[in-house]
Amino acid sequence: MQKIAIVDYGMGNLHSVTKAFELVADGRARIDLTQDPAVVAAADKVVFPGQGAMPDCMSHLDESGLKAAVLQAAQDRPFFGICVGAQLLFERSEEGPTDSLGVFKGQVRRFPPQLMVDGHGQKLKVPHMGWNEMFIVHDHPLWSGIADGERFYFVHSYHFAPDEDIAVIESAYPYRFAAAVARDNIFAIQCHPEKSAQAGLKLLKNFVDWDGRA
């Protein structure tokens, strides 16, 4: 039976992520929510979630001793970043001066106040919170069976700004931004698939079934 490690570095209640993976795995994988670098190192697949401020997340990741195990997993096995965990894969963020993991080239940018206006001239709130459409940019195995324009649940004030062609899914608030990025064995998404009803569960199931090839 394959082993899937969900990395717990002290940033966020990961109960819903764990339960969602247990549901879609349906006994076909062992799901371990873990703070142990050795468990991450021994896993067949790794899930890297997170919530909160990115500088705090990096601090907790360093203090936990999990940073090296996460970086290694991102190099050599199916790897799934969620929300702030996905943001940490970039080089830096406008949220603070702390360097991130640098797996992807680019940064994480805050929604600029001057652009937060809808087509009717109404001011949009930041954080961007609620259900929003997801548009396919490039096909990916993890999006198999999920329709173009399907809605997923978001809570974020910052978004990916990659310096390489890795965007596979975009959303809009009010302008288009990269909502999911992928390269080789890594898939990372800004929204919360564990809170995104059947479409979100389908995405998680696709990861359980994924061999890591794009």
N, C-alpha and C. Protein backbone atom coordinates (compact mmCIF):
# COMPACT_ATOMS: atom_id res chain seq x y z
N MET A 1 0.85 -1.20 0.00
CA MET A 1 0.00 0.00 0.00
C MET A 1 0.89 1.25 0.00
N GLN A 2 0.56 2.20 -0.87
CA GLN A 2 1.35 3.42 -0.92
C GLN A 2 1.15 4.26 0.34
N LYS A 3 2.17 5.04 0.67
CA LYS A 3 2.13 5.91 1.84
C LYS A 3 2.14 7.37 1.37
N ILE A 4 1.16 8.13 1.85
CA ILE A 4 1.06 9.55 1.53
C ILE A 4 1.24 10.34 2.81
N ALA A 5 2.27 11.18 2.85
CA ALA A 5 2.54 12.01 4.03
C ALA A 5 1.98 13.41 3.83
N ILE A 6 1.21 13.88 4.80
CA ILE A 6 0.73 15.26 4.84
C ILE A 6 1.60 15.99 5.85
N VAL A 7 2.34 16.99 5.39
CA VAL A 7 3.35 17.65 6.22
C VAL A 7 2.68 18.63 7.19
N ASP A 8 2.90 18.41 8.48
CA ASP A 8 2.36 19.28 9.54
C ASP A 8 3.53 20.00 10.20
N TYR A 9 3.72 21.27 9.82
CA TYR A 9 4.80 22.06 10.42
C TYR A 9 4.24 23.15 11.33
N GLY A 10 3.03 22.87 11.87
CA GLY A 10 2.44 23.74 12.88
C GLY A 10 1.70 24.94 12.35
N MET A 11 1.38 24.96 11.05
CA MET A 11 0.69 26.11 10.46
C MET A 11 -0.65 25.69 9.89
N GLY A 12 -1.68 25.68 10.73
CA GLY A 12 -3.03 25.42 10.26
C GLY A 12 -3.62 24.13 10.79
N ASN A 13 -4.92 24.12 10.87
CA ASN A 13 -5.65 22.92 11.24
C ASN A 13 -5.79 22.05 9.99
N LEU A 14 -5.12 20.92 9.98
CA LEU A 14 -5.06 20.09 8.79
C LEU A 14 -6.04 18.92 8.84
N HIS A 15 -6.98 18.98 9.78
CA HIS A 15 -7.94 17.90 9.94
C HIS A 15 -8.74 17.68 8.65
N SER A 16 -9.20 18.77 8.02
CA SER A 16 -10.05 18.62 6.84
C SER A 16 -9.26 18.08 5.66
N VAL A 17 -7.99 18.46 5.54
CA VAL A 17 -7.15 17.92 4.46
C VAL A 17 -6.95 16.42 4.65
N THR A 18 -6.64 16.04 5.88
CA THR A 18 -6.40 14.62 6.17
C THR A 18 -7.65 13.79 5.92
N LYS A 19 -8.79 14.26 6.41
CA LYS A 19 -10.04 13.51 6.25
C LYS A 19 -10.43 13.40 4.78
N ALA A 20 -10.20 14.46 4.01
CA ALA A 20 -10.54 14.41 2.58
C ALA A 20 -9.68 13.38 1.86
N PHE A 21 -8.39 13.32 2.17
CA PHE A 21 -7.53 12.32 1.54
C PHE A 21 -7.90 10.91 1.98
N GLU A 22 -8.24 10.73 3.24
CA GLU A 22 -8.67 9.41 3.70
C GLU A 22 -9.92 8.96 2.97
N LEU A 23 -10.82 9.91 2.70
CA LEU A 23 -12.05 9.58 1.99
C LEU A 23 -11.77 9.13 0.57
N VAL A 24 -10.97 9.90 -0.17
CA VAL A 24 -10.76 9.58 -1.59
C VAL A 24 -9.81 8.39 -1.75
N ALA A 25 -8.91 8.17 -0.80
CA ALA A 25 -8.01 7.02 -0.89
C ALA A 25 -8.76 5.72 -0.72
N ASP A 26 -9.81 5.74 0.12
CA ASP A 26 -10.70 4.59 0.28
C ASP A 26 -9.94 3.29 0.52
N GLY A 27 -8.96 3.36 1.43
CA GLY A 27 -8.21 2.17 1.80
C GLY A 27 -7.08 1.79 0.86
N ARG A 28 -6.89 2.56 -0.23
CA ARG A 28 -5.84 2.24 -1.20
C ARG A 28 -4.51 2.90 -0.87
N ALA A 29 -4.50 3.74 0.16
CA ALA A 29 -3.26 4.41 0.57
C ALA A 29 -3.32 4.68 2.06
N ARG A 30 -2.16 4.67 2.68
CA ARG A 30 -2.06 5.04 4.09
C ARG A 30 -1.77 6.53 4.16
N ILE A 31 -2.61 7.28 4.87
CA ILE A 31 -2.48 8.73 4.97
C ILE A 31 -1.88 9.06 6.34
N ASP A 32 -0.72 9.69 6.36
CA ASP A 32 -0.04 10.05 7.60
C ASP A 32 0.08 11.56 7.71
N LEU A 33 -0.62 12.16 8.68
CA LEU A 33 -0.39 13.56 9.03
C LEU A 33 0.79 13.57 9.99
N THR A 34 1.89 14.20 9.61
CA THR A 34 3.12 13.98 10.35
C THR A 34 3.97 15.24 10.53
N GLN A 35 4.65 15.29 11.65
CA GLN A 35 5.66 16.31 11.92
C GLN A 35 7.06 15.70 11.89
N ASP A 36 7.16 14.47 11.47
CA ASP A 36 8.42 13.72 11.51
C ASP A 36 9.09 13.72 10.14
N PRO A 37 10.28 14.33 10.01
CA PRO A 37 10.97 14.33 8.71
C PRO A 37 11.21 12.93 8.17
N ALA A 38 11.41 11.95 9.05
CA ALA A 38 11.67 10.59 8.59
C ALA A 38 10.45 9.98 7.92
N VAL A 39 9.27 10.31 8.42
CA VAL A 39 8.03 9.82 7.80
C VAL A 39 7.84 10.46 6.42
N VAL A 40 8.15 11.75 6.31
CA VAL A 40 8.08 12.42 5.01
C VAL A 40 9.07 11.79 4.04
N ALA A 41 10.27 11.53 4.53
CA ALA A 41 11.31 10.95 3.67
C ALA A 41 10.94 9.56 3.18
N ALA A 42 10.17 8.82 3.97
CA ALA A 42 9.81 7.44 3.61
C ALA A 42 8.51 7.35 2.80
N ALA A 43 7.81 8.47 2.63
CA ALA A 43 6.52 8.45 1.94
C ALA A 43 6.69 8.29 0.44
N ASP A 44 5.69 7.69 -0.19
CA ASP A 44 5.67 7.57 -1.65
C ASP A 44 5.24 8.87 -2.31
N LYS A 45 4.36 9.61 -1.62
CA LYS A 45 3.86 10.89 -2.11
C LYS A 45 3.78 11.85 -0.94
N VAL A 46 3.87 13.14 -1.22
CA VAL A 46 3.88 14.15 -0.16
C VAL A 46 2.89 15.25 -0.48
N VAL A 47 2.10 15.63 0.54
CA VAL A 47 1.17 16.75 0.46
C VAL A 47 1.69 17.84 1.38
N PHE A 48 1.79 19.06 0.85
CA PHE A 48 2.40 20.18 1.58
C PHE A 48 1.39 21.32 1.68
N PRO A 49 0.54 21.31 2.71
CA PRO A 49 -0.45 22.38 2.88
C PRO A 49 0.12 23.52 3.73
N GLY A 50 -0.75 24.40 4.19
CA GLY A 50 -0.33 25.49 5.06
C GLY A 50 -1.31 26.64 5.00
N GLN A 51 -1.31 27.42 6.09
CA GLN A 51 -2.09 28.65 6.11
C GLN A 51 -1.43 29.61 7.08
N GLY A 52 -1.70 30.91 6.90
CA GLY A 52 -1.07 31.92 7.72
C GLY A 52 -0.11 32.76 6.90
N ALA A 53 0.73 33.53 7.58
CA ALA A 53 1.69 34.41 6.92
C ALA A 53 2.91 33.61 6.46
N MET A 54 3.36 33.88 5.24
CA MET A 54 4.48 33.11 4.70
C MET A 54 5.75 33.21 5.53
N PRO A 55 6.14 34.39 6.05
CA PRO A 55 7.34 34.41 6.89
C PRO A 55 7.22 33.51 8.12
N ASP A 56 6.03 33.48 8.72
CA ASP A 56 5.81 32.60 9.88
C ASP A 56 5.90 31.13 9.45
N CYS A 57 5.34 30.83 8.28
CA CYS A 57 5.39 29.45 7.79
C CYS A 57 6.82 29.00 7.55
N MET A 58 7.64 29.86 6.95
CA MET A 58 9.04 29.50 6.71
C MET A 58 9.77 29.31 8.04
N SER A 59 9.48 30.16 9.01
CA SER A 59 10.11 30.02 10.32
C SER A 59 9.76 28.68 10.96
N HIS A 60 8.48 28.32 10.92
CA HIS A 60 8.04 27.05 11.50
C HIS A 60 8.63 25.86 10.73
N LEU A 61 8.74 26.00 9.42
CA LEU A 61 9.29 24.91 8.61
C LEU A 61 10.76 24.68 8.98
N ASP A 62 11.51 25.77 9.17
CA ASP A 62 12.91 25.66 9.58
C ASP A 62 13.03 25.04 10.97
N GLU A 63 12.22 25.55 11.91
CA GLU A 63 12.31 25.11 13.30
C GLU A 63 11.90 23.64 13.47
N SER A 64 11.00 23.17 12.62
CA SER A 64 10.49 21.81 12.73
C SER A 64 11.49 20.77 12.21
N GLY A 65 12.46 21.21 11.43
CA GLY A 65 13.40 20.28 10.82
C GLY A 65 12.86 19.63 9.56
N LEU A 66 11.71 20.11 9.07
CA LEU A 66 11.06 19.48 7.92
C LEU A 66 11.51 20.05 6.58
N LYS A 67 12.21 21.16 6.59
CA LYS A 67 12.53 21.84 5.34
C LYS A 67 13.29 20.94 4.37
N ALA A 68 14.32 20.27 4.84
CA ALA A 68 15.12 19.42 3.96
C ALA A 68 14.31 18.27 3.39
N ALA A 69 13.44 17.68 4.21
CA ALA A 69 12.62 16.56 3.74
C ALA A 69 11.62 17.01 2.68
N VAL A 70 11.07 18.22 2.88
CA VAL A 70 10.12 18.77 1.90
C VAL A 70 10.83 19.05 0.58
N LEU A 71 12.00 19.66 0.63
CA LEU A 71 12.75 19.97 -0.59
C LEU A 71 13.15 18.69 -1.33
N GLN A 72 13.53 17.67 -0.60
CA GLN A 72 13.88 16.41 -1.25
C GLN A 72 12.67 15.78 -1.91
N ALA A 73 11.54 15.80 -1.21
CA ALA A 73 10.31 15.21 -1.78
C ALA A 73 9.89 15.94 -3.05
N ALA A 74 10.09 17.24 -3.09
CA ALA A 74 9.72 18.02 -4.28
C ALA A 74 10.58 17.66 -5.48
N GLN A 75 11.72 17.02 -5.24
CA GLN A 75 12.61 16.64 -6.33
C GLN A 75 12.32 15.25 -6.90
N ASP A 76 11.78 14.35 -6.07
CA ASP A 76 11.85 12.95 -6.51
C ASP A 76 10.58 12.12 -6.34
N ARG A 77 9.42 12.73 -6.04
CA ARG A 77 8.20 11.93 -5.96
C ARG A 77 6.98 12.83 -6.15
N PRO A 78 5.80 12.26 -6.38
CA PRO A 78 4.60 13.08 -6.54
C PRO A 78 4.40 13.99 -5.33
N PHE A 79 4.24 15.27 -5.62
CA PHE A 79 4.24 16.31 -4.58
C PHE A 79 3.09 17.27 -4.85
N PHE A 80 2.30 17.56 -3.82
CA PHE A 80 1.09 18.37 -3.97
C PHE A 80 1.10 19.51 -2.96
N GLY A 81 1.29 20.75 -3.44
CA GLY A 81 1.25 21.92 -2.58
C GLY A 81 -0.13 22.53 -2.55
N ILE A 82 -0.57 22.94 -1.36
CA ILE A 82 -1.91 23.50 -1.20
C ILE A 82 -1.82 24.84 -0.46
N CYS A 83 -2.45 25.87 -1.01
CA CYS A 83 -2.60 27.19 -0.39
C CYS A 83 -1.22 27.77 -0.06
N VAL A 84 -0.93 28.10 1.19
CA VAL A 84 0.35 28.70 1.53
C VAL A 84 1.49 27.70 1.29
N GLY A 85 1.22 26.43 1.44
CA GLY A 85 2.23 25.43 1.09
C GLY A 85 2.64 25.56 -0.36
N ALA A 86 1.68 25.84 -1.23
CA ALA A 86 2.00 26.07 -2.65
C ALA A 86 2.78 27.36 -2.84
N GLN A 87 2.42 28.41 -2.13
CA GLN A 87 3.13 29.69 -2.23
C GLN A 87 4.58 29.56 -1.80
N LEU A 88 4.83 28.74 -0.79
CA LEU A 88 6.19 28.58 -0.28
C LEU A 88 7.14 27.97 -1.31
N LEU A 89 6.62 27.38 -2.37
CA LEU A 89 7.46 26.78 -3.40
C LEU A 89 8.14 27.82 -4.29
N PHE A 90 7.68 29.08 -4.21
CA PHE A 90 8.30 30.14 -5.01
C PHE A 90 9.50 30.74 -4.26
N GLU A 91 10.18 31.67 -4.92
CA GLU A 91 11.43 32.21 -4.37
C GLU A 91 11.19 33.21 -3.25
N ARG A 92 10.12 33.99 -3.34
CA ARG A 92 9.92 35.06 -2.38
C ARG A 92 8.47 35.51 -2.45
N SER A 93 8.08 36.38 -1.50
CA SER A 93 6.72 36.87 -1.45
C SER A 93 6.71 38.34 -1.05
N GLU A 94 5.71 39.07 -1.54
CA GLU A 94 5.53 40.45 -1.12
C GLU A 94 5.03 40.54 0.33
N GLU A 95 4.69 39.40 0.91
CA GLU A 95 4.19 39.40 2.28
C GLU A 95 5.30 39.69 3.30
N GLY A 96 6.55 39.45 2.93
CA GLY A 96 7.63 39.68 3.87
C GLY A 96 8.98 39.45 3.20
N PRO A 97 10.07 39.82 3.89
CA PRO A 97 11.40 39.73 3.30
C PRO A 97 12.00 38.33 3.30
N THR A 98 11.32 37.36 3.90
CA THR A 98 11.89 36.02 4.04
C THR A 98 11.96 35.30 2.70
N ASP A 99 13.10 34.71 2.40
CA ASP A 99 13.20 33.86 1.22
C ASP A 99 12.36 32.60 1.42
N SER A 100 11.73 32.14 0.34
CA SER A 100 10.94 30.91 0.41
C SER A 100 11.78 29.74 -0.09
N LEU A 101 11.16 28.67 -0.53
CA LEU A 101 11.89 27.44 -0.86
C LEU A 101 12.58 27.49 -2.23
N GLY A 102 12.06 28.31 -3.13
CA GLY A 102 12.73 28.48 -4.41
C GLY A 102 12.66 27.30 -5.35
N VAL A 103 11.66 26.45 -5.19
CA VAL A 103 11.48 25.33 -6.11
C VAL A 103 11.06 25.84 -7.49
N PHE A 104 10.20 26.87 -7.50
CA PHE A 104 9.77 27.52 -8.73
C PHE A 104 10.39 28.92 -8.79
N LYS A 105 10.71 29.38 -10.00
CA LYS A 105 11.17 30.76 -10.18
C LYS A 105 9.96 31.70 -10.18
N GLY A 106 10.08 32.80 -9.46
CA GLY A 106 8.99 33.75 -9.38
C GLY A 106 8.68 34.11 -7.95
N GLN A 107 7.60 34.86 -7.79
CA GLN A 107 7.24 35.33 -6.48
C GLN A 107 5.75 35.19 -6.23
N VAL A 108 5.34 35.59 -5.04
CA VAL A 108 3.94 35.62 -4.66
C VAL A 108 3.57 37.07 -4.41
N ARG A 109 2.56 37.55 -5.12
CA ARG A 109 2.20 38.98 -5.08
C ARG A 109 0.85 39.19 -4.40
N ARG A 110 0.73 40.34 -3.73
CA ARG A 110 -0.53 40.73 -3.13
C ARG A 110 -1.45 41.32 -4.19
N PHE A 111 -2.75 41.07 -4.07
CA PHE A 111 -3.71 41.74 -4.96
C PHE A 111 -3.58 43.25 -4.75
N PRO A 112 -3.25 44.02 -5.81
CA PRO A 112 -3.02 45.46 -5.64
C PRO A 112 -4.34 46.22 -5.46
N PRO A 113 -4.43 47.06 -4.43
CA PRO A 113 -5.69 47.77 -4.15
C PRO A 113 -6.23 48.55 -5.34
N GLN A 114 -5.35 49.13 -6.15
CA GLN A 114 -5.81 49.97 -7.26
C GLN A 114 -6.50 49.17 -8.36
N LEU A 115 -6.32 47.86 -8.38
CA LEU A 115 -6.96 47.02 -9.41
C LEU A 115 -8.17 46.26 -8.89
N MET A 116 -8.48 46.39 -7.62
CA MET A 116 -9.55 45.59 -7.01
C MET A 116 -10.93 46.23 -7.22
N VAL A 117 -11.33 46.28 -8.50
CA VAL A 117 -12.62 46.85 -8.89
C VAL A 117 -13.23 45.94 -9.95
N ASP A 118 -14.52 45.61 -9.79
CA ASP A 118 -15.17 44.73 -10.77
C ASP A 118 -15.66 45.51 -11.98
N GLY A 119 -16.31 44.82 -12.90
CA GLY A 119 -16.76 45.44 -14.14
C GLY A 119 -17.83 46.49 -13.97
N HIS A 120 -18.43 46.56 -12.78
CA HIS A 120 -19.45 47.56 -12.49
C HIS A 120 -18.91 48.70 -11.64
N GLY A 121 -17.59 48.71 -11.44
CA GLY A 121 -16.98 49.76 -10.65
C GLY A 121 -17.05 49.55 -9.15
N GLN A 122 -17.50 48.36 -8.74
CA GLN A 122 -17.60 48.07 -7.31
C GLN A 122 -16.27 47.55 -6.78
N LYS A 123 -15.90 48.03 -5.60
CA LYS A 123 -14.64 47.62 -5.00
C LYS A 123 -14.70 46.16 -4.56
N LEU A 124 -13.65 45.43 -4.86
CA LEU A 124 -13.56 44.02 -4.47
C LEU A 124 -12.76 43.89 -3.18
N LYS A 125 -13.16 42.94 -2.35
CA LYS A 125 -12.51 42.76 -1.06
C LYS A 125 -11.25 41.92 -1.19
N VAL A 126 -10.30 42.22 -0.35
CA VAL A 126 -9.11 41.39 -0.16
C VAL A 126 -9.04 41.09 1.34
N PRO A 127 -8.99 39.82 1.75
CA PRO A 127 -8.72 38.65 0.91
C PRO A 127 -9.85 38.28 -0.03
N HIS A 128 -9.44 37.66 -1.13
CA HIS A 128 -10.36 37.03 -2.07
C HIS A 128 -10.89 35.77 -1.38
N MET A 129 -12.18 35.76 -1.12
CA MET A 129 -12.76 34.67 -0.33
C MET A 129 -14.05 34.20 -0.97
N GLY A 130 -14.12 32.89 -1.24
CA GLY A 130 -15.34 32.32 -1.79
C GLY A 130 -15.06 31.43 -2.99
N TRP A 131 -16.14 31.08 -3.69
CA TRP A 131 -16.06 30.16 -4.83
C TRP A 131 -15.73 30.93 -6.09
N ASN A 132 -14.80 30.37 -6.88
CA ASN A 132 -14.41 31.05 -8.10
C ASN A 132 -14.10 30.04 -9.19
N GLU A 133 -14.31 30.47 -10.45
CA GLU A 133 -14.10 29.58 -11.59
C GLU A 133 -12.62 29.31 -11.83
N MET A 134 -12.35 28.11 -12.33
CA MET A 134 -10.99 27.68 -12.67
C MET A 134 -10.95 27.37 -14.16
N PHE A 135 -10.00 27.98 -14.87
CA PHE A 135 -9.92 27.85 -16.32
C PHE A 135 -8.65 27.08 -16.71
N ILE A 136 -8.81 26.07 -17.53
CA ILE A 136 -7.69 25.23 -17.94
C ILE A 136 -6.79 25.99 -18.92
N VAL A 137 -5.49 26.07 -18.59
CA VAL A 137 -4.49 26.66 -19.46
C VAL A 137 -3.73 25.56 -20.19
N HIS A 138 -3.32 24.55 -19.46
CA HIS A 138 -2.67 23.37 -20.02
C HIS A 138 -3.28 22.13 -19.37
N ASP A 139 -3.50 21.10 -20.15
CA ASP A 139 -4.02 19.85 -19.58
C ASP A 139 -3.02 19.26 -18.59
N HIS A 140 -3.56 18.64 -17.56
CA HIS A 140 -2.71 17.97 -16.57
C HIS A 140 -3.46 16.77 -16.03
N PRO A 141 -2.78 15.66 -15.73
CA PRO A 141 -3.47 14.47 -15.22
C PRO A 141 -4.29 14.72 -13.97
N LEU A 142 -3.87 15.66 -13.12
CA LEU A 142 -4.63 15.90 -11.89
C LEU A 142 -5.95 16.60 -12.16
N TRP A 143 -6.10 17.20 -13.34
CA TRP A 143 -7.36 17.88 -13.67
C TRP A 143 -8.28 16.97 -14.49
N SER A 144 -7.91 15.73 -14.66
CA SER A 144 -8.73 14.79 -15.41
C SER A 144 -10.10 14.64 -14.77
N GLY A 145 -11.15 14.77 -15.57
CA GLY A 145 -12.50 14.62 -15.06
C GLY A 145 -13.06 15.86 -14.40
N ILE A 146 -12.33 16.97 -14.43
CA ILE A 146 -12.79 18.24 -13.86
C ILE A 146 -13.04 19.21 -15.00
N ALA A 147 -14.21 19.78 -15.06
CA ALA A 147 -14.60 20.62 -16.19
C ALA A 147 -13.90 21.96 -16.17
N ASP A 148 -13.65 22.50 -17.37
CA ASP A 148 -13.19 23.87 -17.50
C ASP A 148 -14.27 24.79 -16.95
N GLY A 149 -13.89 25.74 -16.10
CA GLY A 149 -14.86 26.64 -15.49
C GLY A 149 -15.44 26.14 -14.18
N GLU A 150 -15.01 24.97 -13.72
CA GLU A 150 -15.47 24.45 -12.43
C GLU A 150 -15.08 25.41 -11.31
N ARG A 151 -15.91 25.46 -10.27
CA ARG A 151 -15.65 26.39 -9.16
C ARG A 151 -14.96 25.69 -8.00
N PHE A 152 -13.96 26.38 -7.43
CA PHE A 152 -13.24 25.92 -6.25
C PHE A 152 -13.27 27.03 -5.19
N TYR A 153 -12.96 26.65 -3.97
CA TYR A 153 -13.07 27.59 -2.85
C TYR A 153 -11.72 28.22 -2.51
N PHE A 154 -11.69 29.56 -2.44
CA PHE A 154 -10.47 30.33 -2.19
C PHE A 154 -10.57 31.13 -0.89
N VAL A 155 -9.43 31.30 -0.22
CA VAL A 155 -9.25 32.29 0.84
C VAL A 155 -7.79 32.74 0.73
N HIS A 156 -7.55 33.91 0.12
CA HIS A 156 -6.16 34.36 -0.02
C HIS A 156 -6.10 35.84 -0.37
N SER A 157 -4.99 36.46 0.03
CA SER A 157 -4.69 37.85 -0.29
C SER A 157 -3.54 37.97 -1.28
N TYR A 158 -2.86 36.86 -1.54
CA TYR A 158 -1.69 36.82 -2.42
C TYR A 158 -1.88 35.73 -3.47
N HIS A 159 -1.20 35.87 -4.59
CA HIS A 159 -1.32 34.86 -5.65
C HIS A 159 0.03 34.61 -6.29
N PHE A 160 0.15 33.48 -6.99
CA PHE A 160 1.38 33.11 -7.68
C PHE A 160 1.67 34.10 -8.82
N ALA A 161 2.95 34.42 -8.98
CA ALA A 161 3.41 35.19 -10.14
C ALA A 161 4.68 34.50 -10.66
N PRO A 162 4.51 33.38 -11.38
CA PRO A 162 5.68 32.61 -11.82
C PRO A 162 6.47 33.31 -12.91
N ASP A 163 7.79 33.09 -12.90
CA ASP A 163 8.67 33.60 -13.94
C ASP A 163 8.97 32.54 -15.00
N GLU A 164 8.21 31.45 -14.98
CA GLU A 164 8.37 30.38 -15.95
C GLU A 164 6.98 29.90 -16.37
N ASP A 165 6.92 29.18 -17.46
CA ASP A 165 5.63 28.75 -18.02
C ASP A 165 5.16 27.48 -17.31
N ILE A 166 4.63 27.66 -16.10
CA ILE A 166 4.19 26.52 -15.30
C ILE A 166 2.72 26.60 -14.92
N ALA A 167 2.02 27.67 -15.29
CA ALA A 167 0.60 27.79 -14.96
C ALA A 167 -0.21 26.77 -15.75
N VAL A 168 -1.00 25.96 -15.05
CA VAL A 168 -1.87 25.00 -15.74
C VAL A 168 -3.34 25.37 -15.57
N ILE A 169 -3.66 26.12 -14.50
CA ILE A 169 -5.02 26.57 -14.25
C ILE A 169 -4.97 28.04 -13.86
N GLU A 170 -5.92 28.83 -14.38
CA GLU A 170 -6.03 30.23 -13.99
C GLU A 170 -7.40 30.50 -13.40
N SER A 171 -7.46 31.54 -12.57
CA SER A 171 -8.73 32.06 -12.09
C SER A 171 -8.70 33.57 -12.33
N ALA A 172 -9.73 34.29 -11.91
CA ALA A 172 -9.77 35.73 -12.15
C ALA A 172 -10.38 36.46 -10.96
N TYR A 173 -9.67 37.52 -10.51
CA TYR A 173 -10.18 38.35 -9.40
C TYR A 173 -9.44 39.68 -9.36
N PRO A 174 -9.84 40.69 -10.11
CA PRO A 174 -10.70 40.63 -11.28
C PRO A 174 -9.91 40.23 -12.53
N TYR A 175 -8.57 40.31 -12.44
CA TYR A 175 -7.71 39.94 -13.56
C TYR A 175 -7.33 38.46 -13.44
N ARG A 176 -6.88 37.89 -14.54
CA ARG A 176 -6.49 36.47 -14.53
C ARG A 176 -5.17 36.31 -13.77
N PHE A 177 -5.11 35.26 -12.97
CA PHE A 177 -3.88 34.93 -12.27
C PHE A 177 -3.72 33.41 -12.24
N ALA A 178 -2.49 32.97 -12.04
CA ALA A 178 -2.20 31.53 -11.98
C ALA A 178 -2.76 30.97 -10.69
N ALA A 179 -3.71 30.04 -10.81
CA ALA A 179 -4.33 29.42 -9.64
C ALA A 179 -3.76 28.05 -9.34
N ALA A 180 -3.14 27.43 -10.33
CA ALA A 180 -2.45 26.15 -10.13
C ALA A 180 -1.26 26.11 -11.07
N VAL A 181 -0.15 25.62 -10.55
CA VAL A 181 1.07 25.49 -11.33
C VAL A 181 1.57 24.05 -11.24
N ALA A 182 2.32 23.64 -12.24
CA ALA A 182 2.82 22.26 -12.24
C ALA A 182 4.09 22.17 -13.06
N ARG A 183 4.98 21.30 -12.60
CA ARG A 183 6.19 20.97 -13.34
C ARG A 183 6.65 19.59 -12.91
N ASP A 184 6.82 18.72 -13.89
CA ASP A 184 7.31 17.36 -13.62
C ASP A 184 6.43 16.69 -12.55
N ASN A 185 6.99 16.38 -11.39
CA ASN A 185 6.30 15.64 -10.34
C ASN A 185 5.54 16.52 -9.36
N ILE A 186 5.51 17.84 -9.59
CA ILE A 186 4.91 18.78 -8.64
C ILE A 186 3.64 19.39 -9.20
N PHE A 187 2.60 19.42 -8.37
CA PHE A 187 1.37 20.16 -8.67
C PHE A 187 1.07 21.01 -7.44
N ALA A 188 0.78 22.29 -7.65
CA ALA A 188 0.53 23.19 -6.52
C ALA A 188 -0.65 24.09 -6.85
N ILE A 189 -1.53 24.26 -5.89
CA ILE A 189 -2.78 24.98 -6.13
C ILE A 189 -3.05 25.99 -5.01
N GLN A 190 -3.57 27.16 -5.39
CA GLN A 190 -3.81 28.23 -4.43
C GLN A 190 -5.05 28.01 -3.58
N CYS A 191 -6.08 27.42 -4.14
CA CYS A 191 -7.36 27.30 -3.43
C CYS A 191 -7.32 26.11 -2.47
N HIS A 192 -8.48 25.81 -1.88
CA HIS A 192 -8.61 24.72 -0.92
C HIS A 192 -9.43 23.59 -1.54
N PRO A 193 -8.79 22.60 -2.17
CA PRO A 193 -9.57 21.51 -2.76
C PRO A 193 -10.34 20.70 -1.72
N GLU A 194 -9.82 20.62 -0.50
CA GLU A 194 -10.51 19.86 0.54
C GLU A 194 -11.82 20.51 0.97
N LYS A 195 -12.04 21.77 0.57
CA LYS A 195 -13.27 22.50 0.88
C LYS A 195 -14.08 22.80 -0.39
N SER A 196 -13.72 22.15 -1.49
CA SER A 196 -14.30 22.48 -2.80
C SER A 196 -15.23 21.40 -3.34
N ALA A 197 -15.97 20.75 -2.43
CA ALA A 197 -17.02 19.80 -2.81
C ALA A 197 -16.47 18.70 -3.73
N GLN A 198 -17.30 18.21 -4.64
CA GLN A 198 -16.93 17.03 -5.43
C GLN A 198 -15.76 17.28 -6.37
N ALA A 199 -15.67 18.48 -6.92
CA ALA A 199 -14.55 18.77 -7.82
C ALA A 199 -13.23 18.73 -7.06
N GLY A 200 -13.23 19.25 -5.84
CA GLY A 200 -12.03 19.21 -5.02
C GLY A 200 -11.64 17.79 -4.65
N LEU A 201 -12.62 16.99 -4.30
CA LEU A 201 -12.34 15.58 -3.97
C LEU A 201 -11.82 14.83 -5.19
N LYS A 202 -12.33 15.16 -6.37
CA LYS A 202 -11.83 14.52 -7.59
C LYS A 202 -10.36 14.85 -7.81
N LEU A 203 -9.98 16.10 -7.55
CA LEU A 203 -8.57 16.50 -7.68
C LEU A 203 -7.69 15.71 -6.72
N LEU A 204 -8.14 15.57 -5.47
CA LEU A 204 -7.36 14.81 -4.48
C LEU A 204 -7.28 13.34 -4.87
N LYS A 205 -8.37 12.79 -5.38
CA LYS A 205 -8.35 11.40 -5.83
C LYS A 205 -7.37 11.22 -6.98
N ASN A 206 -7.35 12.19 -7.89
CA ASN A 206 -6.41 12.11 -9.01
C ASN A 206 -4.97 12.10 -8.50
N PHE A 207 -4.70 12.84 -7.43
CA PHE A 207 -3.35 12.82 -6.87
C PHE A 207 -3.02 11.44 -6.27
N VAL A 208 -3.97 10.86 -5.57
CA VAL A 208 -3.77 9.53 -5.02
C VAL A 208 -3.42 8.53 -6.12
N ASP A 209 -4.02 8.71 -7.29
CA ASP A 209 -3.81 7.78 -8.41
C ASP A 209 -2.63 8.16 -9.31
N TRP A 210 -2.06 9.32 -9.11
CA TRP A 210 -1.05 9.89 -10.02
C TRP A 210 0.31 9.21 -9.85
N ASP A 211 0.98 8.95 -10.99
CA ASP A 211 2.31 8.36 -10.94
C ASP A 211 3.43 9.41 -10.96
N GLY A 212 3.04 10.69 -10.96
CA GLY A 212 4.04 11.77 -10.92
C GLY A 212 4.53 12.24 -12.25
N ARG A 213 3.96 11.70 -13.32
CA ARG A 213 4.37 12.13 -14.66
C ARG A 213 3.34 13.09 -15.24
N ALA A 214 3.84 14.21 -15.80
CA ALA A 214 2.93 15.21 -16.37
C ALA A 214 2.52 14.84 -17.78
